[in-house]
PDB file of N, CA and C in Angstrom:
ATOM      1  N   MET A   1     -32.916  16.697   7.859  1.00  0.00           N
ATOM      2  CA  MET A   1     -33.919  17.195   6.958  1.00  0.00           C
ATOM      3  C   MET A   1     -34.921  16.075   6.720  1.00  0.00           C
ATOM      4  N   ARG A   2     -36.175  16.441   6.645  1.00  0.00           N
ATOM      5  CA  ARG A   2     -37.237  15.470   6.369  1.00  0.00           C
ATOM      6  C   ARG A   2     -37.939  15.903   5.090  1.00  0.00           C
ATOM      7  N   ALA A   3     -38.300  14.920   4.284  1.00  0.00           N
ATOM      8  CA  ALA A   3     -39.008  15.197   3.036  1.00  0.00           C
ATOM      9  C   ALA A   3     -39.867  13.996   2.693  1.00  0.00           C
ATOM     10  N   ASN A   4     -40.908  14.235   1.885  1.00  0.00           N
ATOM     11  CA  ASN A   4     -41.678  13.107   1.381  1.00  0.00           C
ATOM     12  C   ASN A   4     -41.250  12.866  -0.074  1.00  0.00           C
ATOM     13  N   VAL A   5     -41.816  11.880  -0.712  1.00  0.00           N
ATOM     14  CA  VAL A   5     -41.387  11.508  -2.061  1.00  0.00           C
ATOM     15  C   VAL A   5     -41.658  12.647  -3.041  1.00  0.00           C
ATOM     16  N   SER A   6     -42.791  13.327  -2.903  1.00  0.00           N
ATOM     17  CA  SER A   6     -43.106  14.448  -3.800  1.00  0.00           C
ATOM     18  C   SER A   6     -42.066  15.559  -3.665  1.00  0.00           C
ATOM     19  N   GLU A   7     -41.695  15.878  -2.431  1.00  0.00           N
ATOM     20  CA  GLU A   7     -40.671  16.902  -2.205  1.00  0.00           C
ATOM     21  C   GLU A   7     -39.324  16.464  -2.776  1.00  0.00           C
ATOM     22  N   LEU A   8     -39.014  15.179  -2.623  1.00  0.00           N
ATOM     23  CA  LEU A   8     -37.755  14.658  -3.170  1.00  0.00           C
ATOM     24  C   LEU A   8     -37.695  14.866  -4.676  1.00  0.00           C
ATOM     25  N   LEU A   9     -38.786  14.545  -5.362  1.00  0.00           N
ATOM     26  CA  LEU A   9     -38.817  14.708  -6.812  1.00  0.00           C
ATOM     27  C   LEU A   9     -38.819  16.180  -7.210  1.00  0.00           C
ATOM     28  N   ARG A  10     -39.521  17.004  -6.475  1.00  0.00           N
ATOM     29  CA  ARG A  10     -39.645  18.419  -6.803  1.00  0.00           C
ATOM     30  C   ARG A  10     -38.365  19.195  -6.463  1.00  0.00           C
ATOM     31  N   ASN A  11     -37.741  18.872  -5.341  1.00  0.00           N
ATOM     32  CA  ASN A  11     -36.588  19.637  -4.846  1.00  0.00           C
ATOM     33  C   ASN A  11     -35.321  18.798  -4.768  1.00  0.00           C
ATOM     34  N   PHE A  12     -35.138  17.888  -5.727  1.00  0.00           N
ATOM     35  CA  PHE A  12     -33.992  16.995  -5.647  1.00  0.00           C
ATOM     36  C   PHE A  12     -32.655  17.727  -5.538  1.00  0.00           C
ATOM     37  N   PRO A  13     -32.395  18.799  -6.309  1.00  0.00           N
ATOM     38  CA  PRO A  13     -31.083  19.465  -6.168  1.00  0.00           C
ATOM     39  C   PRO A  13     -30.798  19.948  -4.740  1.00  0.00           C
ATOM     40  N   ALA A  14     -31.792  20.514  -4.074  1.00  0.00           N
ATOM     41  CA  ALA A  14     -31.588  21.010  -2.709  1.00  0.00           C
ATOM     42  C   ALA A  14     -31.379  19.850  -1.734  1.00  0.00           C
ATOM     43  N   ILE A  15     -32.140  18.779  -1.906  1.00  0.00           N
ATOM     44  CA  ILE A  15     -32.005  17.620  -1.022  1.00  0.00           C
ATOM     45  C   ILE A  15     -30.666  16.941  -1.252  1.00  0.00           C
ATOM     46  N   ARG A  16     -30.244  16.864  -2.505  1.00  0.00           N
ATOM     47  CA  ARG A  16     -28.936  16.288  -2.841  1.00  0.00           C
ATOM     48  C   ARG A  16     -27.808  17.101  -2.205  1.00  0.00           C
ATOM     49  N   ARG A  17     -27.883  18.426  -2.297  1.00  0.00           N
ATOM     50  CA  ARG A  17     -26.859  19.287  -1.682  1.00  0.00           C
ATOM     51  C   ARG A  17     -26.800  19.072  -0.175  1.00  0.00           C
ATOM     52  N   ALA A  18     -27.965  18.939   0.454  1.00  0.00           N
ATOM     53  CA  ALA A  18     -28.006  18.716   1.899  1.00  0.00           C
ATOM     54  C   ALA A  18     -27.322  17.398   2.252  1.00  0.00           C
ATOM     55  N   ALA A  19     -27.605  16.351   1.494  1.00  0.00           N
ATOM     56  CA  ALA A  19     -26.985  15.045   1.764  1.00  0.00           C
ATOM     57  C   ALA A  19     -25.481  15.112   1.543  1.00  0.00           C
ATOM     58  N   LEU A  20     -25.056  15.775   0.471  1.00  0.00           N
ATOM     59  CA  LEU A  20     -23.617  15.885   0.197  1.00  0.00           C
ATOM     60  C   LEU A  20     -22.893  16.743   1.233  1.00  0.00           C
ATOM     61  N   ALA A  21     -23.626  17.642   1.875  1.00  0.00           N
ATOM     62  CA  ALA A  21     -23.036  18.481   2.925  1.00  0.00           C
ATOM     63  C   ALA A  21     -22.941  17.744   4.260  1.00  0.00           C
ATOM     64  N   GLY A  22     -23.401  16.478   4.289  1.00  0.00           N
ATOM     65  CA  GLY A  22     -23.282  15.690   5.505  1.00  0.00           C
ATOM     66  C   GLY A  22     -24.560  15.601   6.312  1.00  0.00           C
ATOM     67  N   GLU A  23     -25.611  16.232   5.823  1.00  0.00           N
ATOM     68  CA  GLU A  23     -26.879  16.187   6.541  1.00  0.00           C
ATOM     69  C   GLU A  23     -27.581  14.850   6.282  1.00  0.00           C
ATOM     70  N   ARG A  24     -28.256  14.364   7.273  1.00  0.00           N
ATOM     71  CA  ARG A  24     -29.036  13.120   7.160  1.00  0.00           C
ATOM     72  C   ARG A  24     -30.422  13.495   6.659  1.00  0.00           C
ATOM     73  N   VAL A  25     -30.827  12.957   5.514  1.00  0.00           N
ATOM     74  CA  VAL A  25     -32.125  13.267   4.927  1.00  0.00           C
ATOM     75  C   VAL A  25     -33.036  12.053   5.089  1.00  0.00           C
ATOM     76  N   VAL A  26     -34.186  12.246   5.725  1.00  0.00           N
ATOM     77  CA  VAL A  26     -35.167  11.186   5.923  1.00  0.00           C
ATOM     78  C   VAL A  26     -36.301  11.424   4.927  1.00  0.00           C
ATOM     79  N   ILE A  27     -36.547  10.426   4.088  1.00  0.00           N
ATOM     80  CA  ILE A  27     -37.617  10.502   3.099  1.00  0.00           C
ATOM     81  C   ILE A  27     -38.748   9.620   3.602  1.00  0.00           C
ATOM     82  N   GLU A  28     -39.878  10.239   3.879  1.00  0.00           N
ATOM     83  CA  GLU A  28     -41.017   9.529   4.439  1.00  0.00           C
ATOM     84  C   GLU A  28     -41.861   8.938   3.309  1.00  0.00           C
ATOM     85  N   THR A  29     -42.072   7.623   3.340  1.00  0.00           N
ATOM     86  CA  THR A  29     -42.915   6.945   2.358  1.00  0.00           C
ATOM     87  C   THR A  29     -44.004   6.182   3.092  1.00  0.00           C
ATOM     88  N   ARG A  30     -44.965   5.673   2.347  1.00  0.00           N
ATOM     89  CA  ARG A  30     -46.043   4.883   2.955  1.00  0.00           C
ATOM     90  C   ARG A  30     -45.498   3.587   3.555  1.00  0.00           C
ATOM     91  N   GLU A  31     -44.493   3.030   2.900  1.00  0.00           N
ATOM     92  CA  GLU A  31     -43.928   1.755   3.338  1.00  0.00           C
ATOM     93  C   GLU A  31     -42.961   1.886   4.496  1.00  0.00           C
ATOM     94  N   GLY A  32     -42.490   3.095   4.742  1.00  0.00           N
ATOM     95  CA  GLY A  32     -41.509   3.320   5.801  1.00  0.00           C
ATOM     96  C   GLY A  32     -40.557   4.437   5.396  1.00  0.00           C
ATOM     97  N   ASN A  33     -39.707   4.809   6.289  1.00  0.00           N
ATOM     98  CA  ASN A  33     -38.773   5.903   6.029  1.00  0.00           C
ATOM     99  C   ASN A  33     -37.507   5.401   5.347  1.00  0.00           C
ATOM    100  N   LEU A  34     -37.026   6.204   4.439  1.00  0.00           N
ATOM    101  CA  LEU A  34     -35.745   5.941   3.775  1.00  0.00           C
ATOM    102  C   LEU A  34     -34.765   6.999   4.236  1.00  0.00           C
ATOM    103  N   VAL A  35     -33.522   6.633   4.423  1.00  0.00           N
ATOM    104  CA  VAL A  35     -32.498   7.580   4.868  1.00  0.00           C
ATOM    105  C   VAL A  35     -31.496   7.767   3.746  1.00  0.00           C
ATOM    106  N   LEU A  36     -31.278   9.014   3.391  1.00  0.00           N
ATOM    107  CA  LEU A  36     -30.331   9.362   2.334  1.00  0.00           C
ATOM    108  C   LEU A  36     -29.118  10.035   2.963  1.00  0.00           C
ATOM    109  N   THR A  37     -27.965   9.423   2.791  1.00  0.00           N
ATOM    110  CA  THR A  37     -26.709  10.006   3.250  1.00  0.00           C
ATOM    111  C   THR A  37     -25.681   9.859   2.137  1.00  0.00           C
ATOM    112  N   ALA A  38     -24.687  10.684   2.161  1.00  0.00           N
ATOM    113  CA  ALA A  38     -23.644  10.630   1.141  1.00  0.00           C
ATOM    114  C   ALA A  38     -22.433   9.885   1.676  1.00  0.00           C
ATOM    115  N   GLU A  39     -21.821   9.086   0.826  1.00  0.00           N
ATOM    116  CA  GLU A  39     -20.564   8.429   1.156  1.00  0.00           C
ATOM    117  C   GLU A  39     -19.450   9.191   0.457  1.00  0.00           C
ATOM    118  N   LYS A  40     -18.381   9.408   1.150  1.00  0.00           N
ATOM    119  CA  LYS A  40     -17.231  10.069   0.549  1.00  0.00           C
ATOM    120  C   LYS A  40     -16.503   9.078  -0.349  1.00  0.00           C
ATOM    121  N   PRO A  41     -16.170   9.482  -1.570  1.00  0.00           N
ATOM    122  CA  PRO A  41     -15.436   8.567  -2.448  1.00  0.00           C
ATOM    123  C   PRO A  41     -14.024   8.335  -1.920  1.00  0.00           C
ATOM    124  N   GLU A  42     -13.502   7.156  -2.198  1.00  0.00           N
ATOM    125  CA  GLU A  42     -12.136   6.863  -1.787  1.00  0.00           C
ATOM    126  C   GLU A  42     -11.190   7.725  -2.607  1.00  0.00           C
ATOM    127  N   PRO A  43     -10.147   8.241  -1.991  1.00  0.00           N
ATOM    128  CA  PRO A  43      -9.207   9.072  -2.744  1.00  0.00           C
ATOM    129  C   PRO A  43      -8.535   8.263  -3.853  1.00  0.00           C
ATOM    130  N   ARG A  44      -8.389   8.894  -4.995  1.00  0.00           N
ATOM    131  CA  ARG A  44      -7.756   8.218  -6.125  1.00  0.00           C
ATOM    132  C   ARG A  44      -6.258   8.487  -6.107  1.00  0.00           C
ATOM    133  N   THR A  45      -5.521   7.530  -6.596  1.00  0.00           N
ATOM    134  CA  THR A  45      -4.079   7.678  -6.627  1.00  0.00           C
ATOM    135  C   THR A  45      -3.652   8.296  -7.946  1.00  0.00           C
ATOM    136  N   LEU A  46      -2.427   8.701  -7.999  1.00  0.00           N
ATOM    137  CA  LEU A  46      -1.866   9.286  -9.203  1.00  0.00           C
ATOM    138  C   LEU A  46      -1.873   8.298 -10.351  1.00  0.00           C
ATOM    139  N   PHE A  47      -1.698   7.040 -10.064  1.00  0.00           N
ATOM    140  CA  PHE A  47      -1.601   6.025 -11.106  1.00  0.00           C
ATOM    141  C   PHE A  47      -2.957   5.497 -11.559  1.00  0.00           C
ATOM    142  N   GLY A  48      -4.044   5.895 -10.883  1.00  0.00           N
ATOM    143  CA  GLY A  48      -5.382   5.493 -11.294  1.00  0.00           C
ATOM    144  C   GLY A  48      -5.579   3.993 -11.334  1.00  0.00           C
ATOM    145  N   ALA A  49      -6.059   3.502 -12.454  1.00  0.00           N
ATOM    146  CA  ALA A  49      -6.401   2.093 -12.583  1.00  0.00           C
ATOM    147  C   ALA A  49      -5.176   1.189 -12.520  1.00  0.00           C
ATOM    148  N   LEU A  50      -3.996   1.728 -12.785  1.00  0.00           N
ATOM    149  CA  LEU A  50      -2.783   0.914 -12.768  1.00  0.00           C
ATOM    150  C   LEU A  50      -2.119   0.860 -11.395  1.00  0.00           C
ATOM    151  N   SER A  51      -2.738   1.479 -10.396  1.00  0.00           N
ATOM    152  CA  SER A  51      -2.089   1.560  -9.089  1.00  0.00           C
ATOM    153  C   SER A  51      -1.804   0.191  -8.474  1.00  0.00           C
ATOM    154  N   ASP A  52      -2.606  -0.813  -8.821  1.00  0.00           N
ATOM    155  CA  ASP A  52      -2.355  -2.153  -8.278  1.00  0.00           C
ATOM    156  C   ASP A  52      -1.123  -2.799  -8.894  1.00  0.00           C
ATOM    157  N   SER A  53      -0.799  -2.439 -10.123  1.00  0.00           N
ATOM    158  CA  SER A  53       0.315  -3.091 -10.804  1.00  0.00           C
ATOM    159  C   SER A  53       1.600  -2.256 -10.786  1.00  0.00           C
ATOM    160  N   ILE A  54       1.559  -1.030 -10.248  1.00  0.00           N
ATOM    161  CA  ILE A  54       2.753  -0.183 -10.186  1.00  0.00           C
ATOM    162  C   ILE A  54       3.118   0.053  -8.723  1.00  0.00           C
ATOM    163  N   ASP A  55       4.344  -0.242  -8.376  1.00  0.00           N
ATOM    164  CA  ASP A  55       4.840   0.035  -7.033  1.00  0.00           C
ATOM    165  C   ASP A  55       5.617   1.335  -7.100  1.00  0.00           C
ATOM    166  N   SER A  56       4.969   2.422  -6.711  1.00  0.00           N
ATOM    167  CA  SER A  56       5.579   3.741  -6.866  1.00  0.00           C
ATOM    168  C   SER A  56       6.830   3.906  -6.009  1.00  0.00           C
ATOM    169  N   LYS A  57       6.928   3.200  -4.909  1.00  0.00           N
ATOM    170  CA  LYS A  57       8.104   3.328  -4.046  1.00  0.00           C
ATOM    171  C   LYS A  57       9.317   2.640  -4.642  1.00  0.00           C
ATOM    172  N   ALA A  58       9.080   1.679  -5.523  1.00  0.00           N
ATOM    173  CA  ALA A  58      10.185   0.943  -6.110  1.00  0.00           C
ATOM    174  C   ALA A  58      10.741   1.612  -7.371  1.00  0.00           C
ATOM    175  N   LEU A  59      10.024   2.606  -7.894  1.00  0.00           N
ATOM    176  CA  LEU A  59      10.519   3.278  -9.100  1.00  0.00           C
ATOM    177  C   LEU A  59      11.795   4.056  -8.770  1.00  0.00           C
ATOM    178  N   THR A  60      12.783   3.937  -9.616  1.00  0.00           N
ATOM    179  CA  THR A  60      14.026   4.670  -9.423  1.00  0.00           C
ATOM    180  C   THR A  60      14.365   5.432 -10.693  1.00  0.00           C
ATOM    181  N   GLU A  61      15.358   6.265 -10.606  1.00  0.00           N
ATOM    182  CA  GLU A  61      15.793   7.040 -11.762  1.00  0.00           C
ATOM    183  C   GLU A  61      16.221   6.116 -12.898  1.00  0.00           C
ATOM    184  N   ALA A  62      16.900   5.038 -12.572  1.00  0.00           N
ATOM    185  CA  ALA A  62      17.383   4.107 -13.594  1.00  0.00           C
ATOM    186  C   ALA A  62      16.224   3.433 -14.315  1.00  0.00           C
ATOM    187  N   GLU A  63      15.169   3.075 -13.580  1.00  0.00           N
ATOM    188  CA  GLU A  63      14.022   2.417 -14.192  1.00  0.00           C
ATOM    189  C   GLU A  63      13.227   3.355 -15.086  1.00  0.00           C
ATOM    190  N   SER A  64      13.156   4.624 -14.691  1.00  0.00           N
ATOM    191  CA  SER A  64      12.354   5.564 -15.469  1.00  0.00           C
ATOM    192  C   SER A  64      13.094   6.048 -16.707  1.00  0.00           C
ATOM    193  N   GLY A  65      14.430   5.965 -16.693  1.00  0.00           N
ATOM    194  CA  GLY A  65      15.213   6.413 -17.831  1.00  0.00           C
ATOM    195  C   GLY A  65      15.408   7.920 -17.873  1.00  0.00           C
ATOM    196  N   ALA A  66      14.988   8.620 -16.847  1.00  0.00           N
ATOM    197  CA  ALA A  66      15.115  10.079 -16.812  1.00  0.00           C
ATOM    198  C   ALA A  66      15.996  10.475 -15.633  1.00  0.00           C
ATOM    199  N   SER A  67      16.824  11.461 -15.858  1.00  0.00           N
ATOM    200  CA  SER A  67      17.655  11.963 -14.772  1.00  0.00           C
ATOM    201  C   SER A  67      17.095  13.293 -14.293  1.00  0.00           C
ATOM    202  N   ASP A  68      17.658  13.794 -13.202  1.00  0.00           N
ATOM    203  CA  ASP A  68      17.197  15.078 -12.678  1.00  0.00           C
ATOM    204  C   ASP A  68      17.386  16.191 -13.699  1.00  0.00           C
ATOM    205  N   GLU A  69      18.403  16.103 -14.508  1.00  0.00           N
ATOM    206  CA  GLU A  69      18.670  17.118 -15.538  1.00  0.00           C
ATOM    207  C   GLU A  69      17.539  17.198 -16.549  1.00  0.00           C
ATOM    208  N   ASP A  70      16.914  16.048 -16.839  1.00  0.00           N
ATOM    209  CA  ASP A  70      15.834  16.035 -17.828  1.00  0.00           C
ATOM    210  C   ASP A  70      14.602  16.781 -17.346  1.00  0.00           C
ATOM    211  N   TRP A  71      14.444  16.940 -16.034  1.00  0.00           N
ATOM    212  CA  TRP A  71      13.243  17.547 -15.485  1.00  0.00           C
ATOM    213  C   TRP A  71      13.407  19.021 -15.184  1.00  0.00           C
ATOM    214  N   LYS A  72      14.583  19.588 -15.404  1.00  0.00           N
ATOM    215  CA  LYS A  72      14.784  21.001 -15.118  1.00  0.00           C
ATOM    216  C   LYS A  72      14.199  21.852 -16.245  1.00  0.00           C
ATOM    217  N   ALA A  73      13.579  22.942 -15.859  1.00  0.00           N
ATOM    218  CA  ALA A  73      12.973  23.833 -16.846  1.00  0.00           C
ATOM    219  C   ALA A  73      14.043  24.570 -17.627  1.00  0.00           C
ATOM    220  N   SER A  74      13.812  24.712 -18.886  1.00  0.00           N
ATOM    221  CA  SER A  74      14.734  25.500 -19.700  1.00  0.00           C
ATOM    222  C   SER A  74      13.946  26.551 -20.446  1.00  0.00           C
ATOM    223  N   LEU A  75      14.456  27.758 -20.435  1.00  0.00           N
ATOM    224  CA  LEU A  75      13.779  28.864 -21.099  1.00  0.00           C
ATOM    225  C   LEU A  75      14.479  29.260 -22.361  1.00  0.00           C
TER     226      LEU A  75
END
């Protein structure tokens, strides 16, 4: 997709959708062309910000203090 700066400002939602869909958007300016592409975010882990300090593979039933019985649904 090609657009100029006026089109970018006027039709930003459509241009943004195109970039997020993987399309390469070229914005033509007086100084030169700008290329707008989307980067996929890195997948987040279950532990979020603490993922560096928690080793999920090392967690055991004894460390968590919960047994399988504690996790069974009761009606």
